N, C-alpha and C. Protein backbone atom coordinates (compact mmCIF):
# COMPACT_ATOMS: atom_id res chain seq x y z
N MET A 1 8.24 36.12 -103.70
CA MET A 1 7.95 34.79 -104.43
C MET A 1 8.98 33.80 -104.63
N GLY A 2 10.16 34.34 -104.62
CA GLY A 2 11.42 33.51 -104.75
C GLY A 2 11.98 33.75 -106.14
N ASP A 3 13.33 33.13 -106.12
CA ASP A 3 13.86 33.36 -107.36
C ASP A 3 14.15 34.59 -107.99
N ARG A 4 14.08 35.74 -107.19
CA ARG A 4 14.27 37.12 -107.70
C ARG A 4 12.80 37.24 -108.48
N LYS A 5 11.67 36.78 -108.26
CA LYS A 5 10.60 36.93 -108.67
C LYS A 5 9.83 38.00 -107.67
N ALA A 6 9.12 38.75 -108.13
CA ALA A 6 7.96 39.43 -106.94
C ALA A 6 6.93 39.71 -107.91
N ALA A 7 5.86 39.86 -106.81
CA ALA A 7 4.54 40.52 -107.60
C ALA A 7 3.99 41.86 -106.93
N VAL A 8 3.49 42.50 -107.66
CA VAL A 8 3.17 44.01 -107.80
C VAL A 8 1.61 44.13 -108.16
N ASN A 9 1.08 44.43 -106.97
CA ASN A 9 -0.34 44.98 -107.28
C ASN A 9 -0.59 46.34 -106.63
N GLY A 10 -1.41 47.14 -107.03
CA GLY A 10 -2.08 48.46 -106.24
C GLY A 10 -2.72 49.01 -107.16
N ASP A 11 -3.09 50.40 -106.83
CA ASP A 11 -4.26 51.06 -107.43
C ASP A 11 -3.61 52.53 -107.76
N PHE A 12 -4.07 53.13 -108.30
CA PHE A 12 -3.90 54.52 -109.00
C PHE A 12 -5.62 55.43 -108.93
N VAL A 13 -5.22 56.61 -108.24
CA VAL A 13 -6.68 57.13 -108.39
C VAL A 13 -6.10 58.44 -109.26
N MET A 14 -7.10 58.77 -110.61
CA MET A 14 -6.47 59.90 -111.31
C MET A 14 -7.85 60.71 -111.88
N THR A 15 -7.49 61.69 -112.45
CA THR A 15 -8.24 62.35 -113.22
C THR A 15 -8.50 62.19 -114.60
N ALA A 16 -9.48 62.61 -115.13
CA ALA A 16 -9.75 61.92 -116.49
C ALA A 16 -8.48 61.80 -117.56
N PRO A 17 -7.85 63.34 -117.37
CA PRO A 17 -6.69 63.46 -118.41
C PRO A 17 -5.63 62.06 -118.31
N GLU A 18 -5.32 61.88 -116.90
CA GLU A 18 -4.19 61.17 -116.54
C GLU A 18 -4.59 59.60 -116.92
N VAL A 19 -6.01 59.31 -117.43
CA VAL A 19 -6.10 57.65 -117.15
C VAL A 19 -5.25 57.04 -118.55
N GLN A 20 -5.64 57.63 -119.81
CA GLN A 20 -4.70 56.95 -120.95
C GLN A 20 -3.27 56.98 -120.82
N LYS A 21 -2.66 58.07 -120.31
CA LYS A 21 -1.16 58.00 -119.94
C LYS A 21 -0.75 56.87 -119.04
N VAL A 22 -1.47 56.59 -118.13
CA VAL A 22 -1.30 55.88 -117.01
C VAL A 22 -1.19 54.31 -117.35
N ILE A 23 -2.28 54.18 -118.21
CA ILE A 23 -2.49 52.72 -118.89
C ILE A 23 -1.59 52.20 -119.91
N GLN A 24 -1.11 53.29 -120.67
CA GLN A 24 -0.35 53.25 -121.78
C GLN A 24 1.08 52.62 -120.86
N ALA A 25 1.62 53.59 -119.75
CA ALA A 25 2.66 53.30 -118.99
C ALA A 25 2.72 52.15 -118.62
N LEU A 26 1.68 51.41 -117.89
CA LEU A 26 1.60 50.24 -117.38
C LEU A 26 1.81 48.85 -118.21
N ARG A 27 0.84 49.27 -119.41
CA ARG A 27 0.94 48.14 -120.57
C ARG A 27 2.56 47.99 -120.99
N LYS A 28 3.05 48.92 -121.33
CA LYS A 28 4.54 49.15 -121.89
C LYS A 28 5.42 48.48 -121.10
N GLY A 29 5.04 48.54 -119.54
CA GLY A 29 5.70 47.69 -118.96
C GLY A 29 5.66 46.29 -118.44
N HIS A 30 4.52 46.01 -119.04
CA HIS A 30 3.79 44.64 -119.15
C HIS A 30 3.51 44.30 -118.02
N ILE A 31 2.45 45.26 -117.26
CA ILE A 31 1.81 45.46 -115.92
C ILE A 31 0.35 45.65 -116.43
N ASP A 32 -0.55 44.49 -116.12
CA ASP A 32 -1.64 44.17 -116.24
C ASP A 32 -2.51 45.05 -115.68
N VAL A 33 -3.62 45.56 -116.35
CA VAL A 33 -4.46 46.58 -115.88
C VAL A 33 -5.81 45.77 -115.35
N VAL A 34 -6.03 45.56 -114.44
CA VAL A 34 -7.10 44.74 -113.68
C VAL A 34 -8.36 45.48 -113.82
N GLU A 35 -8.74 46.58 -113.42
CA GLU A 35 -10.02 47.15 -113.61
C GLU A 35 -9.70 48.66 -113.60
N LEU A 36 -10.62 49.50 -113.77
CA LEU A 36 -10.66 50.59 -114.07
C LEU A 36 -12.18 51.34 -113.89
N HIS A 37 -12.63 51.97 -112.79
CA HIS A 37 -13.82 52.64 -112.30
C HIS A 37 -13.88 53.45 -111.79
N GLN A 38 -15.62 54.11 -111.32
CA GLN A 38 -15.30 55.24 -110.39
C GLN A 38 -16.34 55.26 -109.49
N HIS A 39 -16.33 55.71 -108.59
CA HIS A 39 -16.84 55.52 -107.11
C HIS A 39 -18.27 56.35 -107.19
N SER A 40 -18.26 57.77 -107.62
CA SER A 40 -19.17 58.81 -107.45
C SER A 40 -19.60 59.26 -109.06
N LEU A 41 -20.40 59.58 -109.38
CA LEU A 41 -21.01 60.30 -110.72
C LEU A 41 -20.94 62.29 -110.40
N THR A 42 -20.61 62.56 -109.47
CA THR A 42 -20.65 63.86 -109.33
C THR A 42 -19.60 64.52 -108.32
N GLU A 43 -18.54 63.74 -108.22
CA GLU A 43 -17.20 64.41 -107.46
C GLU A 43 -16.74 65.40 -108.50
N GLN A 44 -16.26 66.23 -107.79
CA GLN A 44 -15.30 67.28 -108.72
C GLN A 44 -13.57 67.51 -108.07
N PRO A 45 -12.76 67.32 -108.53
CA PRO A 45 -12.34 66.68 -109.94
C PRO A 45 -13.06 65.11 -110.05
N ARG A 46 -13.49 64.85 -111.25
CA ARG A 46 -13.78 63.43 -111.45
C ARG A 46 -12.74 62.77 -111.17
N LEU A 47 -12.64 61.44 -110.39
CA LEU A 47 -11.90 60.58 -110.14
C LEU A 47 -12.09 59.31 -110.71
N PHE A 48 -11.08 58.55 -111.26
CA PHE A 48 -11.08 57.08 -111.59
C PHE A 48 -10.01 56.39 -111.07
N TYR A 49 -10.51 55.22 -110.74
CA TYR A 49 -9.67 54.32 -109.78
C TYR A 49 -9.03 53.12 -110.69
N LEU A 50 -7.80 52.59 -110.79
CA LEU A 50 -7.34 51.70 -111.56
C LEU A 50 -6.79 50.79 -110.78
N HIS A 51 -6.55 49.61 -110.98
CA HIS A 51 -6.31 48.63 -110.25
C HIS A 51 -5.14 47.80 -111.05
N PHE A 52 -3.93 47.31 -110.74
CA PHE A 52 -2.81 46.82 -111.53
C PHE A 52 -2.24 45.54 -110.65
N TRP A 53 -1.55 44.73 -111.57
CA TRP A 53 -0.87 43.57 -111.11
C TRP A 53 0.32 42.92 -112.09
N ALA A 54 1.08 42.40 -111.69
CA ALA A 54 2.44 41.82 -112.19
C ALA A 54 2.86 41.06 -111.36
N ALA A 55 3.58 39.98 -112.15
CA ALA A 55 4.26 39.30 -111.46
C ALA A 55 5.89 38.77 -112.36
N ALA A 56 7.08 39.26 -111.54
CA ALA A 56 7.92 39.19 -112.78
C ALA A 56 9.67 39.52 -111.76
N ASP A 57 10.56 39.45 -112.39
CA ASP A 57 11.73 40.06 -111.40
C ASP A 57 11.44 41.40 -110.68
N GLY A 58 11.71 41.47 -109.81
CA GLY A 58 11.77 42.71 -108.87
C GLY A 58 12.16 43.80 -109.15
N VAL A 59 13.12 44.10 -109.72
CA VAL A 59 14.01 45.19 -110.29
C VAL A 59 13.25 45.59 -111.41
N ALA A 60 12.91 44.59 -112.44
CA ALA A 60 12.11 44.84 -113.46
C ALA A 60 11.05 45.56 -113.34
N LEU A 61 10.25 44.94 -112.28
CA LEU A 61 8.85 45.27 -112.10
C LEU A 61 9.01 46.76 -111.67
N ALA A 62 9.94 47.12 -110.60
CA ALA A 62 10.15 48.54 -110.18
C ALA A 62 10.39 49.53 -111.38
N ARG A 63 11.31 49.11 -112.24
CA ARG A 63 11.68 49.97 -113.11
C ARG A 63 10.46 49.97 -114.44
N ALA A 64 9.50 49.04 -114.25
CA ALA A 64 8.32 49.25 -115.19
C ALA A 64 7.21 50.10 -114.79
N LEU A 65 7.33 49.63 -113.26
CA LEU A 65 6.04 50.71 -112.69
C LEU A 65 6.55 52.20 -112.70
N ARG A 66 7.78 52.37 -112.42
CA ARG A 66 7.84 53.55 -112.17
C ARG A 66 7.48 55.03 -113.00
N PRO A 67 7.43 54.62 -114.45
CA PRO A 67 6.84 55.65 -115.57
C PRO A 67 5.08 55.80 -115.20
N ALA A 68 4.39 55.14 -114.79
CA ALA A 68 2.94 55.16 -114.30
C ALA A 68 2.60 56.47 -113.38
N PRO A 69 3.22 56.43 -111.97
CA PRO A 69 3.31 57.70 -111.71
C PRO A 69 3.78 59.09 -111.99
N ASP A 70 4.78 58.87 -113.09
CA ASP A 70 5.13 60.06 -113.54
C ASP A 70 4.38 60.38 -114.50
N ALA A 71 3.12 59.54 -115.00
CA ALA A 71 2.33 60.15 -116.19
C ALA A 71 1.05 60.73 -115.57
N THR A 72 1.19 60.90 -114.13
CA THR A 72 -0.05 61.63 -113.25
C THR A 72 0.65 63.15 -113.30
N GLY A 73 -0.27 63.84 -112.98
CA GLY A 73 -0.41 65.56 -112.91
C GLY A 73 0.56 65.69 -111.38
N PRO A 74 0.92 66.89 -111.18
CA PRO A 74 1.58 66.92 -109.68
C PRO A 74 0.52 66.71 -108.50
N ALA A 75 0.97 66.18 -107.59
CA ALA A 75 -0.03 66.40 -106.30
C ALA A 75 -0.57 67.68 -105.91
N PRO A 76 -1.48 67.39 -105.11
CA PRO A 76 -2.05 68.92 -104.57
C PRO A 76 -1.05 69.31 -103.51
N PRO A 77 -1.10 70.48 -103.42
CA PRO A 77 -0.07 70.92 -102.29
C PRO A 77 -0.24 70.76 -100.91
N ARG A 78 0.88 70.41 -100.19
CA ARG A 78 0.80 69.87 -98.84
C ARG A 78 0.25 71.20 -97.65
N PRO A 79 -0.41 70.91 -97.17
CA PRO A 79 -0.88 72.00 -96.13
C PRO A 79 0.29 72.52 -95.47
N SER A 80 0.11 73.91 -95.27
CA SER A 80 1.24 74.28 -94.68
C SER A 80 1.14 74.25 -92.83
N ALA A 81 2.33 74.85 -92.17
CA ALA A 81 2.14 74.58 -90.63
C ALA A 81 1.30 75.32 -90.17
N SER A 82 0.66 76.56 -90.77
CA SER A 82 -0.33 77.14 -90.31
C SER A 82 -1.79 76.75 -90.55
N THR A 83 -1.96 75.69 -91.44
CA THR A 83 -3.46 75.21 -91.37
C THR A 83 -3.91 74.97 -90.10
N SER A 84 -5.24 75.18 -89.84
CA SER A 84 -5.52 75.19 -88.85
C SER A 84 -6.24 73.38 -88.49
N ALA A 85 -5.52 72.81 -87.39
CA ALA A 85 -6.37 71.60 -87.13
C ALA A 85 -5.52 70.64 -88.01
N GLY A 86 -4.51 70.86 -88.78
CA GLY A 86 -4.06 69.81 -89.74
C GLY A 86 -4.97 69.56 -90.86
N THR A 87 -5.96 70.42 -91.05
CA THR A 87 -6.71 69.94 -92.26
C THR A 87 -6.37 70.48 -93.65
N PRO A 88 -5.88 69.89 -94.73
CA PRO A 88 -5.33 70.26 -95.64
C PRO A 88 -6.58 71.19 -96.36
N GLN A 89 -5.89 72.09 -97.21
CA GLN A 89 -6.83 73.29 -97.96
C GLN A 89 -6.59 73.00 -99.41
N TRP A 90 -6.96 71.90 -100.02
CA TRP A 90 -6.87 71.57 -101.16
C TRP A 90 -7.66 72.52 -102.17
N PRO A 91 -6.96 72.95 -103.32
CA PRO A 91 -7.64 74.14 -104.45
C PRO A 91 -9.04 73.73 -104.81
N PHE A 92 -9.25 72.31 -104.83
CA PHE A 92 -10.66 71.84 -105.36
C PHE A 92 -11.79 71.64 -104.50
N MET A 93 -11.40 71.82 -103.11
CA MET A 93 -12.78 71.65 -102.11
C MET A 93 -13.23 72.98 -101.82
């Protein structure tokens, strides 16, 4: 945007226990929560989609955004080299 100002927008996909922690982390960093919604009623685990937006100094935005992914749980394990056809074997599928 110029003048050291940058814009950030994006999405988080979270489970229910992560939602409030991510929202709190974003708001603490003055990053606006634009929308929180679901796409399905029966998926397991139940997933929530959060869209966010902010415009400010680029370094400040990066520092403000970092706590939000840290507020989520660990990522599912990566598939091993022995996984057939490269298909991930997530524990919840």
